[in-house]
N, C-alpha and C. Protein backbone atom coordinates (compact mmCIF):
# COMPACT_ATOMS: atom_id res chain seq x y z
N MET A 1 5.50 -1.39 3.38
CA MET A 1 3.79 -2.12 2.98
C MET A 1 3.09 -0.45 4.00
N LEU A 2 2.25 -0.44 3.31
CA LEU A 2 1.23 0.56 4.32
C LEU A 2 0.45 0.13 5.09
N SER A 3 -0.30 0.29 5.89
CA SER A 3 -1.69 -0.42 6.83
C SER A 3 -2.60 1.26 7.17
N CYS A 4 -3.74 1.70 6.24
CA CYS A 4 -3.52 2.09 6.49
C CYS A 4 -4.80 2.68 6.92
N SER A 5 -5.59 1.99 7.80
CA SER A 5 -6.77 2.52 8.25
C SER A 5 -6.04 2.88 9.17
N VAL A 6 -6.90 3.87 10.59
CA VAL A 6 -6.64 4.62 11.54
C VAL A 6 -7.72 4.31 12.72
N ARG A 7 -8.78 3.70 11.93
CA ARG A 7 -9.34 3.56 13.19
C ARG A 7 -9.60 2.53 14.28
N ASP A 8 -10.35 2.90 15.23
CA ASP A 8 -10.58 1.88 16.44
C ASP A 8 -11.00 0.00 15.97
N GLU A 9 -10.64 -0.55 15.87
CA GLU A 9 -10.63 -2.06 15.69
C GLU A 9 -11.56 -2.04 14.45
N ARG A 10 -9.93 -1.69 13.71
CA ARG A 10 -9.83 -1.92 12.53
C ARG A 10 -9.74 -3.65 11.58
N MET A 11 -9.19 -3.32 10.61
CA MET A 11 -8.78 -4.79 9.93
C MET A 11 -7.51 -4.93 9.23
N SER A 12 -6.99 -3.58 9.40
CA SER A 12 -6.15 -3.53 8.37
C SER A 12 -5.05 -3.74 9.44
N PRO A 13 -4.35 -4.05 10.34
CA PRO A 13 -2.92 -5.31 10.67
C PRO A 13 -2.58 -6.64 10.67
N ALA A 14 -3.98 -6.75 10.66
CA ALA A 14 -4.55 -7.89 10.24
C ALA A 14 -4.66 -8.77 9.34
N LEU A 15 -4.89 -8.08 8.53
CA LEU A 15 -4.56 -7.94 6.27
C LEU A 15 -3.04 -8.03 5.90
N ALA A 16 -2.94 -6.58 6.65
CA ALA A 16 -1.30 -6.51 6.35
C ALA A 16 -0.89 -7.55 7.35
N GLU A 17 -0.71 -7.85 8.08
CA GLU A 17 -0.03 -9.21 8.98
C GLU A 17 0.09 -10.41 7.74
N TRP A 18 -1.30 -10.24 7.52
CA TRP A 18 -0.88 -11.68 6.46
C TRP A 18 0.15 -11.31 4.94
N VAL A 19 -0.60 -10.08 4.31
CA VAL A 19 1.01 -9.66 3.16
C VAL A 19 1.93 -9.68 3.53
N ARG A 20 2.77 -9.84 4.49
CA ARG A 20 4.06 -9.36 5.63
C ARG A 20 3.97 -11.38 4.99
N PHE A 21 3.55 -11.75 5.94
CA PHE A 21 3.60 -13.28 5.26
C PHE A 21 4.34 -14.19 4.48
N VAL A 22 3.06 -13.35 3.37
CA VAL A 22 3.23 -14.14 2.56
C VAL A 22 4.25 -13.47 1.65
N LEU A 23 4.85 -12.49 1.80
CA LEU A 23 5.54 -11.19 1.08
C LEU A 23 7.20 -12.13 1.40
N SER A 24 7.31 -12.36 2.95
CA SER A 24 8.61 -12.92 3.76
C SER A 24 8.26 -14.78 3.36
N ALA A 25 7.71 -14.38 2.61
CA ALA A 25 8.46 -16.47 1.81
C ALA A 25 9.19 -16.46 0.14
N GLN A 26 8.99 -14.57 -0.16
CA GLN A 26 9.67 -14.39 -1.92
C GLN A 26 11.34 -14.10 -1.54
N PRO A 27 12.25 -14.84 -1.57
CA PRO A 27 13.47 -14.63 -1.56
C PRO A 27 13.59 -12.63 -2.15
N GLY A 28 14.76 -12.56 -1.17
CA GLY A 28 15.54 -11.02 -1.28
C GLY A 28 14.59 -9.76 -1.26
N ILE A 29 12.84 -10.39 -1.21
CA ILE A 29 12.07 -9.42 -0.15
C ILE A 29 12.68 -8.97 1.15
N GLU A 30 13.13 -7.17 1.20
CA GLU A 30 13.12 -6.68 2.61
C GLU A 30 11.55 -5.90 3.17
N ILE A 31 11.03 -5.80 3.97
CA ILE A 31 10.13 -5.59 4.47
C ILE A 31 9.82 -4.85 5.51
N ASP A 32 9.65 -3.09 5.14
CA ASP A 32 9.19 -2.18 6.30
C ASP A 32 7.89 -1.69 5.72
N ALA A 33 7.61 -2.76 7.51
CA ALA A 33 6.16 -1.57 7.06
C ALA A 33 5.59 -0.88 8.47
N LEU A 34 4.36 -0.10 7.75
CA LEU A 34 4.58 0.73 8.52
C LEU A 34 2.62 1.50 8.60
N ASP A 35 2.10 1.65 9.88
CA ASP A 35 1.14 1.67 9.72
C ASP A 35 1.07 2.92 10.18
N LEU A 36 0.13 3.63 9.47
CA LEU A 36 -0.07 5.46 9.63
C LEU A 36 -0.88 5.32 10.83
N ALA A 37 -1.83 4.35 11.38
CA ALA A 37 -2.55 5.23 12.57
C ALA A 37 -1.21 5.36 13.72
N GLU A 38 0.65 5.00 13.47
CA GLU A 38 1.80 5.61 14.21
C GLU A 38 2.34 6.85 13.58
N ILE A 39 1.94 7.42 12.61
CA ILE A 39 2.75 7.59 12.12
C ILE A 39 1.44 9.13 12.90
N SER A 40 2.94 10.34 12.01
CA SER A 40 2.18 11.82 12.74
C SER A 40 2.90 12.54 11.55
N LEU A 41 2.06 13.59 11.05
CA LEU A 41 2.45 13.90 9.58
C LEU A 41 2.43 15.45 10.83
N PRO A 42 3.06 16.37 9.80
CA PRO A 42 2.72 18.41 10.20
C PRO A 42 1.33 18.43 10.14
N ASP A 43 0.56 19.80 10.14
CA ASP A 43 -0.60 20.07 10.19
C ASP A 43 -0.41 20.50 8.18
N ASP A 44 -1.78 20.47 7.96
CA ASP A 44 -1.60 20.37 6.75
C ASP A 44 -1.89 22.06 6.00
N ALA A 45 -1.74 22.83 6.67
CA ALA A 45 -0.90 24.08 5.95
C ALA A 45 -0.10 24.13 5.57
N LEU A 46 0.65 23.78 6.13
CA LEU A 46 2.28 23.83 5.34
C LEU A 46 3.00 23.10 4.39
N LEU A 47 1.46 22.11 3.48
CA LEU A 47 2.25 21.36 2.76
C LEU A 47 2.29 22.06 1.64
N THR A 48 3.18 21.79 0.78
CA THR A 48 2.96 23.01 -0.57
C THR A 48 3.43 21.53 -1.68
N PRO A 49 3.42 22.39 -2.82
CA PRO A 49 2.98 21.44 -3.90
C PRO A 49 4.67 20.90 -4.28
N GLY A 50 3.96 19.60 -4.45
CA GLY A 50 5.14 19.07 -4.47
C GLY A 50 5.65 18.09 -3.14
N GLY A 51 5.13 18.02 -2.78
CA GLY A 51 5.15 17.14 -0.93
C GLY A 51 5.34 18.24 -0.67
N GLY A 52 5.94 18.27 0.90
CA GLY A 52 5.82 19.43 2.38
C GLY A 52 7.35 19.16 2.33
N LEU A 53 7.57 19.13 3.62
CA LEU A 53 8.41 19.27 5.03
C LEU A 53 8.88 17.79 4.94
N THR A 54 10.24 17.35 5.41
CA THR A 54 10.38 16.21 6.07
C THR A 54 9.68 15.61 7.08
N THR A 55 9.34 14.04 7.07
CA THR A 55 8.06 13.82 7.29
C THR A 55 9.14 12.57 8.65
N GLU A 56 8.87 12.25 9.49
CA GLU A 56 9.38 10.73 10.12
C GLU A 56 9.42 9.72 9.17
N VAL A 57 8.69 9.43 8.65
CA VAL A 57 8.58 8.35 7.18
C VAL A 57 9.15 8.53 5.69
N SER A 58 9.70 10.04 4.88
CA SER A 58 10.23 10.56 4.02
C SER A 58 11.61 9.47 3.97
N GLU A 59 11.95 9.17 4.82
CA GLU A 59 13.42 8.29 4.58
C GLU A 59 12.91 7.09 4.40
N ARG A 60 12.17 6.39 5.40
CA ARG A 60 11.62 4.94 4.77
C ARG A 60 11.41 4.98 3.67
N LEU A 61 10.23 6.00 3.07
CA LEU A 61 8.72 5.29 1.67
C LEU A 61 10.20 5.88 0.65
N GLY A 62 11.29 7.03 0.73
CA GLY A 62 12.27 6.64 -0.35
C GLY A 62 12.84 5.92 -0.30
N ALA A 63 13.25 5.11 0.79
CA ALA A 63 14.34 3.53 0.79
C ALA A 63 13.63 2.57 -0.10
N ALA A 64 12.12 2.96 -0.49
CA ALA A 64 10.84 1.35 -0.53
C ALA A 64 11.31 1.69 -2.77
N GLU A 65 11.88 0.05 -2.57
CA GLU A 65 11.38 -0.20 -3.94
C GLU A 65 9.91 -0.18 -4.36
N GLY A 66 9.31 -0.82 -3.70
CA GLY A 66 7.85 -0.68 -3.96
C GLY A 66 7.01 -0.53 -3.47
N PHE A 67 5.48 -1.11 -3.02
CA PHE A 67 4.42 -0.25 -1.89
C PHE A 67 3.39 -1.68 -2.31
N VAL A 68 3.25 -1.84 -0.85
CA VAL A 68 1.28 -2.56 -1.49
C VAL A 68 1.31 -1.79 0.15
N PHE A 69 -0.09 -1.42 -0.39
CA PHE A 69 -1.51 -0.65 0.82
C PHE A 69 -2.24 -1.31 0.77
N VAL A 70 -2.14 -1.73 1.68
CA VAL A 70 -3.08 -2.48 2.64
C VAL A 70 -4.88 -1.79 3.12
N THR A 71 -5.67 -1.54 2.36
CA THR A 71 -6.80 0.08 2.82
C THR A 71 -7.91 -1.03 2.58
N PRO A 72 -8.57 -0.07 3.59
CA PRO A 72 -10.21 -0.32 3.49
C PRO A 72 -10.97 0.48 3.01
N GLU A 73 -12.21 0.76 2.34
CA GLU A 73 -12.89 0.99 1.50
C GLU A 73 -13.94 1.91 2.88
N TYR A 74 -13.43 3.64 2.52
CA TYR A 74 -14.63 4.04 3.30
C TYR A 74 -15.60 4.79 2.46
N ASN A 75 -16.84 4.86 2.31
CA ASN A 75 -17.02 5.77 2.18
C ASN A 75 -17.48 5.86 0.46
N HIS A 76 -17.05 4.27 -0.36
CA HIS A 76 -17.28 4.15 -2.18
C HIS A 76 -15.24 4.71 -2.05
N SER A 77 -14.70 4.68 -1.26
CA SER A 77 -13.00 4.86 -1.60
C SER A 77 -12.18 5.32 -0.63
N TYR A 78 -10.91 5.67 -0.19
CA TYR A 78 -10.15 5.56 0.64
C TYR A 78 -9.77 6.19 1.77
N PRO A 79 -9.00 5.92 2.45
CA PRO A 79 -9.20 6.54 3.64
C PRO A 79 -8.48 7.80 3.58
N ALA A 80 -8.26 9.19 4.52
CA ALA A 80 -8.54 9.98 4.80
C ALA A 80 -6.55 9.93 4.54
N ALA A 81 -6.50 9.36 5.79
CA ALA A 81 -4.72 9.86 6.07
C ALA A 81 -4.50 8.58 5.78
N LEU A 82 -5.02 7.80 4.35
CA LEU A 82 -3.57 7.32 3.46
C LEU A 82 -3.58 8.41 2.36
N LYS A 83 -4.51 9.37 2.46
CA LYS A 83 -3.72 10.78 1.11
C LYS A 83 -3.25 11.60 1.81
N ARG A 84 -3.71 11.91 3.10
CA ARG A 84 -2.29 12.65 3.74
C ARG A 84 -0.73 12.56 3.72
N VAL A 85 -0.81 10.87 3.64
CA VAL A 85 0.66 10.41 3.31
C VAL A 85 0.79 10.55 1.65
N LEU A 86 0.12 10.49 1.59
CA LEU A 86 0.33 10.41 -0.02
C LEU A 86 0.79 12.02 -0.77
N ASP A 87 -0.31 12.71 0.15
CA ASP A 87 0.39 14.06 -0.23
C ASP A 87 1.41 14.60 0.11
N TRP A 88 1.80 14.25 1.38
CA TRP A 88 3.27 14.74 2.29
C TRP A 88 4.15 14.74 1.70
N HIS A 89 4.23 13.35 0.40
CA HIS A 89 5.21 12.95 0.11
C HIS A 89 5.07 12.64 -0.93
N TYR A 90 6.03 13.35 -2.83
CA TYR A 90 6.08 13.21 -3.84
C TYR A 90 7.26 12.70 -4.48
N ALA A 91 8.46 12.96 -4.02
CA ALA A 91 9.85 11.67 -4.68
C ALA A 91 9.42 10.81 -4.25
N GLN A 92 9.70 10.17 -3.04
CA GLN A 92 9.58 8.92 -2.33
C GLN A 92 8.59 7.97 -3.37
N TRP A 93 7.98 8.47 -4.16
CA TRP A 93 6.32 7.60 -4.72
C TRP A 93 7.12 7.45 -6.48
N HIS A 94 7.83 8.34 -6.91
CA HIS A 94 8.00 8.87 -8.14
C HIS A 94 8.62 7.02 -9.19
N LEU A 95 8.26 6.60 -9.77
CA LEU A 95 8.57 5.57 -10.76
C LEU A 95 9.20 4.61 -9.87
N LYS A 96 8.03 3.92 -8.57
CA LYS A 96 8.08 3.08 -8.32
C LYS A 96 6.81 2.04 -8.48
N ALA A 97 7.00 0.76 -7.70
CA ALA A 97 5.56 0.03 -8.08
C ALA A 97 4.40 0.58 -6.95
N ALA A 98 3.85 -0.81 -7.01
CA ALA A 98 2.28 -0.05 -5.95
C ALA A 98 1.25 -1.67 -6.52
N SER A 99 0.91 -1.88 -5.10
CA SER A 99 0.06 -2.18 -5.79
C SER A 99 -0.96 -2.58 -3.88
N ILE A 100 -2.24 -2.67 -4.02
CA ILE A 100 -3.35 -2.35 -3.47
C ILE A 100 -3.90 -3.75 -2.72
N VAL A 101 -4.12 -3.76 -1.48
CA VAL A 101 -5.07 -4.97 -1.19
C VAL A 101 -6.35 -4.21 -0.48
N ALA A 102 -7.07 -4.07 -1.00
CA ALA A 102 -9.07 -3.29 -0.66
C ALA A 102 -9.60 -4.44 0.62
N TYR A 103 -10.14 -3.74 1.19
CA TYR A 103 -11.31 -4.42 2.12
C TYR A 103 -12.38 -3.95 2.32
N GLY A 104 -13.80 -4.46 2.40
CA GLY A 104 -14.83 -3.98 2.45
C GLY A 104 -15.57 -4.59 2.68
N VAL A 105 -16.89 -5.04 2.60
CA VAL A 105 -18.07 -5.14 2.15
C VAL A 105 -18.54 -5.68 1.28
N ASN A 106 -18.02 -4.84 0.38
CA ASN A 106 -17.92 -6.00 -1.14
C ASN A 106 -16.53 -5.39 -2.04
N GLY A 107 -15.62 -5.47 -1.13
CA GLY A 107 -14.51 -6.30 -1.31
C GLY A 107 -13.53 -4.69 -2.28
N GLY A 108 -13.27 -3.46 -1.27
CA GLY A 108 -13.04 -2.84 -1.40
C GLY A 108 -12.63 -2.04 -2.46
N PHE A 109 -13.28 -2.58 -3.61
CA PHE A 109 -12.85 -2.22 -5.44
C PHE A 109 -12.76 -0.37 -5.80
N ALA A 110 -14.08 -0.17 -5.04
CA ALA A 110 -14.05 1.53 -5.40
C ALA A 110 -13.34 2.13 -4.64
N ALA A 111 -12.28 1.33 -4.04
CA ALA A 111 -11.16 2.47 -3.15
C ALA A 111 -9.73 1.87 -3.85
N ILE A 112 -9.88 0.96 -4.43
CA ILE A 112 -8.36 0.62 -5.67
C ILE A 112 -8.71 1.51 -6.66
N GLU A 113 -9.40 1.15 -7.55
CA GLU A 113 -9.77 2.55 -8.65
C GLU A 113 -9.93 3.87 -8.31
N HIS A 114 -10.04 4.37 -7.08
CA HIS A 114 -9.68 5.96 -6.59
C HIS A 114 -8.61 5.51 -6.12
N LEU A 115 -7.77 5.37 -5.57
CA LEU A 115 -6.63 4.75 -5.58
C LEU A 115 -5.15 5.11 -6.95
N ARG A 116 -6.27 3.81 -7.34
CA ARG A 116 -4.81 3.92 -8.74
C ARG A 116 -4.77 5.72 -9.66
N GLY A 117 -6.57 6.04 -9.47
CA GLY A 117 -5.65 7.67 -10.32
C GLY A 117 -4.84 8.57 -9.03
N VAL A 118 -4.43 8.69 -8.28
CA VAL A 118 -3.97 9.54 -7.51
C VAL A 118 -2.69 8.93 -7.86
N LEU A 119 -1.78 7.09 -7.31
CA LEU A 119 -0.74 6.56 -7.38
C LEU A 119 -0.17 6.88 -8.85
N ALA A 120 -1.55 7.36 -9.47
CA ALA A 120 -0.42 7.11 -11.35
C ALA A 120 0.29 8.81 -11.37
N GLU A 121 -0.53 9.61 -10.59
CA GLU A 121 -0.49 11.27 -10.68
C GLU A 121 0.64 11.22 -9.89
N LEU A 122 0.95 10.36 -9.13
CA LEU A 122 2.56 10.69 -8.01
C LEU A 122 3.81 9.61 -8.74
N GLY A 123 3.44 8.86 -10.26
CA GLY A 123 4.32 8.25 -10.83
C GLY A 123 4.91 6.84 -10.27
N LEU A 124 3.69 7.14 -9.37
CA LEU A 124 4.01 5.15 -9.68
C LEU A 124 3.05 4.54 -10.10
N VAL A 125 3.67 3.57 -10.47
CA VAL A 125 3.03 2.47 -11.39
C VAL A 125 2.72 1.33 -10.77
N THR A 126 0.97 1.13 -10.51
CA THR A 126 -0.01 -0.19 -10.20
C THR A 126 0.55 -0.87 -10.69
N THR A 127 0.37 -2.20 -10.41
CA THR A 127 -0.11 -3.91 -11.58
C THR A 127 -1.55 -3.56 -10.91
N ARG A 128 -1.33 -4.39 -12.39
CA ARG A 128 -2.81 -5.04 -13.20
C ARG A 128 -3.50 -5.45 -12.41
N ARG A 129 -3.12 -6.20 -10.99
CA ARG A 129 -3.20 -7.31 -10.06
C ARG A 129 -3.30 -6.54 -8.88
N CYS A 130 -4.81 -6.35 -7.97
CA CYS A 130 -4.98 -6.19 -7.13
C CYS A 130 -5.51 -6.86 -6.66
N LEU A 131 -5.83 -6.57 -4.63
CA LEU A 131 -7.04 -7.65 -4.69
C LEU A 131 -8.05 -7.04 -3.83
N GLY A 132 -8.94 -7.42 -3.82
CA GLY A 132 -10.07 -7.17 -3.25
C GLY A 132 -10.72 -7.61 -2.23
N TYR A 133 -11.19 -7.59 -0.86
CA TYR A 133 -11.35 -8.92 -0.14
C TYR A 133 -12.08 -8.38 0.76
N PRO A 134 -13.77 -8.56 -0.14
CA PRO A 134 -15.12 -8.46 0.71
C PRO A 134 -15.06 -9.61 1.86
N ALA A 135 -15.54 -8.53 2.96
CA ALA A 135 -16.07 -8.85 4.39
C ALA A 135 -14.67 -9.58 5.08
N PRO A 136 -13.59 -8.92 4.94
CA PRO A 136 -12.25 -9.60 5.76
C PRO A 136 -12.80 -10.43 7.61
N TRP A 137 -13.51 -9.85 7.75
CA TRP A 137 -13.46 -10.22 9.24
C TRP A 137 -14.39 -11.37 9.29
N ALA A 138 -15.05 -12.13 8.32
CA ALA A 138 -15.80 -13.20 8.34
C ALA A 138 -14.62 -14.76 8.42
N ALA A 139 -13.12 -14.06 7.96
CA ALA A 139 -12.77 -14.85 8.16
C ALA A 139 -11.51 -15.10 9.21
N LEU A 140 -12.18 -14.38 10.75
CA LEU A 140 -10.83 -13.88 11.73
C LEU A 140 -12.27 -15.68 12.64
N ASP A 141 -10.29 -16.00 12.81
CA ASP A 141 -10.87 -18.07 13.64
C ASP A 141 -11.71 -17.58 14.86
N GLU A 142 -11.86 -18.54 15.61
CA GLU A 142 -11.82 -18.45 16.84
C GLU A 142 -11.85 -17.41 17.95
N ASN A 143 -10.15 -17.90 17.52
CA ASN A 143 -8.83 -16.66 18.62
C ASN A 143 -8.59 -15.25 18.22
N GLU A 144 -9.84 -14.62 17.10
CA GLU A 144 -10.31 -13.25 16.19
C GLU A 144 -8.44 -13.29 15.46
N ARG A 145 -7.35 -14.27 14.45
CA ARG A 145 -6.73 -14.39 14.03
C ARG A 145 -7.09 -14.16 12.96
N PHE A 146 -6.47 -13.46 12.30
CA PHE A 146 -7.11 -13.80 10.54
C PHE A 146 -6.63 -15.24 9.45
N ALA A 147 -7.60 -15.47 8.98
CA ALA A 147 -7.01 -16.89 8.31
C ALA A 147 -7.56 -16.67 7.25
N PRO A 148 -7.32 -16.39 5.83
CA PRO A 148 -7.84 -16.28 4.43
C PRO A 148 -8.01 -17.51 3.53
N SER A 149 -9.05 -17.79 3.05
CA SER A 149 -9.21 -19.27 2.32
C SER A 149 -7.75 -19.02 1.33
N PRO A 150 -7.38 -20.48 1.78
CA PRO A 150 -6.96 -20.95 0.33
C PRO A 150 -6.19 -20.54 -1.04
N GLY A 151 -7.21 -20.07 -1.93
CA GLY A 151 -7.65 -19.01 -2.62
C GLY A 151 -7.48 -18.41 -2.40
N LYS A 152 -7.50 -16.97 -1.63
CA LYS A 152 -7.39 -15.38 -1.23
C LYS A 152 -5.61 -15.07 -1.22
N THR A 153 -5.29 -16.63 -0.47
CA THR A 153 -3.35 -16.38 -0.24
C THR A 153 -2.99 -16.87 -1.81
N ARG A 154 -3.41 -17.55 -2.63
CA ARG A 154 -2.88 -17.51 -3.80
C ARG A 154 -3.37 -16.52 -4.73
N ALA A 155 -4.25 -15.69 -4.68
CA ALA A 155 -4.39 -14.88 -5.55
C ALA A 155 -3.60 -13.29 -4.62
N LEU A 156 -3.50 -13.26 -3.59
CA LEU A 156 -2.32 -12.26 -2.95
C LEU A 156 -0.78 -12.74 -3.69
N GLU A 157 -0.70 -14.21 -3.64
CA GLU A 157 0.81 -14.17 -3.91
C GLU A 157 1.43 -13.59 -5.75
N ARG A 158 0.36 -13.64 -6.62
CA ARG A 158 0.71 -13.71 -7.51
C ARG A 158 -0.23 -12.37 -7.78
N THR A 159 -0.45 -11.19 -6.98
CA THR A 159 -0.40 -10.15 -7.30
C THR A 159 1.14 -9.19 -6.46
N LEU A 160 1.74 -10.37 -5.36
CA LEU A 160 2.41 -9.68 -4.76
C LEU A 160 3.81 -10.40 -5.94
N ALA A 161 3.32 -11.46 -6.38
CA ALA A 161 4.81 -11.15 -7.81
C ALA A 161 4.65 -10.59 -8.81
N GLU A 162 3.45 -9.95 -9.25
CA GLU A 162 3.42 -8.84 -10.17
C GLU A 162 4.39 -7.57 -10.00
N LEU A 163 3.92 -7.42 -8.49
CA LEU A 163 4.71 -6.32 -7.50
C LEU A 163 6.40 -6.93 -7.57
N SER A 164 6.63 -7.25 -7.48
CA SER A 164 8.22 -8.05 -7.76
C SER A 164 8.72 -7.50 -8.55
N TRP A 165 7.76 -7.95 -10.13
CA TRP A 165 8.27 -7.85 -11.11
C TRP A 165 8.79 -6.55 -11.51
N TRP A 166 7.69 -6.29 -11.28
CA TRP A 166 7.60 -4.19 -11.67
C TRP A 166 8.80 -3.57 -10.49
N ALA A 167 9.07 -3.49 -8.91
CA ALA A 167 9.99 -3.28 -8.66
C ALA A 167 11.24 -3.45 -9.58
N THR A 168 11.63 -4.69 -9.26
CA THR A 168 12.69 -5.01 -10.30
C THR A 168 13.18 -4.45 -10.77
N LEU A 169 12.18 -4.17 -12.17
CA LEU A 169 12.51 -3.73 -13.38
C LEU A 169 12.48 -2.18 -13.14
N LEU A 170 11.61 -1.51 -12.63
CA LEU A 170 11.85 0.61 -12.26
C LEU A 170 13.31 0.58 -11.51
N SER A 171 13.64 -0.44 -10.91
CA SER A 171 14.45 -0.12 -9.42
C SER A 171 15.53 0.08 -10.64
N ASP A 172 15.73 -1.11 -11.35
CA ASP A 172 16.86 -1.19 -12.86
C ASP A 172 16.66 -0.05 -13.81
N ALA A 173 15.56 0.35 -13.72
CA ALA A 173 15.14 1.52 -14.72
C ALA A 173 15.89 2.37 -14.56
N ARG A 174 15.02 3.00 -12.65
CA ARG A 174 15.86 4.19 -12.39
C ARG A 174 17.56 4.45 -11.61
N ALA A 175 18.36 3.40 -11.71
CA ALA A 175 19.50 3.11 -11.79
C ALA A 175 20.21 3.32 -13.64
N ASN A 176 20.07 2.94 -14.09
CA ASN A 176 20.28 3.21 -15.07
C ASN A 176 19.81 3.79 -16.70
N ARG A 177 18.31 3.84 -16.44
CA ARG A 177 18.59 4.84 -17.85
C ARG A 177 17.04 5.79 -17.05
N PRO A 178 17.61 6.51 -16.09
CA PRO A 178 17.18 7.92 -15.90
C PRO A 178 16.12 8.73 -16.33
N PHE A 179 14.80 8.94 -15.75
CA PHE A 179 13.86 9.82 -16.58
C PHE A 179 14.18 11.18 -15.82
N PRO A 180 14.32 11.51 -17.40
CA PRO A 180 14.40 13.04 -17.90
C PRO A 180 13.17 13.20 -17.40
N ARG A 181 13.13 14.71 -16.14
CA ARG A 181 12.64 15.72 -15.28
C ARG A 181 11.95 17.02 -16.38
């Protein structure tokens, strides 16, 4: 799971914690949470086609069977920090499953649609179900903890169940029916 905002006073960690909580209820799921605000990538001048140098998260991304991108919508798209981590890695994404939990004033749906095209180019299979969350800051309780509605939690559960299905299917396919390169 990647928490994709690097700004101060961001909602991404709170939503990522919610996703982690819901994921942890599924049996057999191991969660490795990455916060892009805590990752340093090399200078983009060193980036080459098909990825770049090994980064501090290359191994962790490579070990993952699937990904949940928890991302805000900034200026009708997804954040630059997310684009950088995508560009710096290539083989780590190939033929794996991904789902998107986006948020923003209007639900983050433009970020979802922009991100889908980039993920497809990297060989990721995105789930049909993704979750857009309008104004999640309105779901903060009196202690500033994220308290989503039961309906949003059910929608997230369905999204993550689809992700799990695709991740299992693609893991088996990569192991038993390698894609010709």
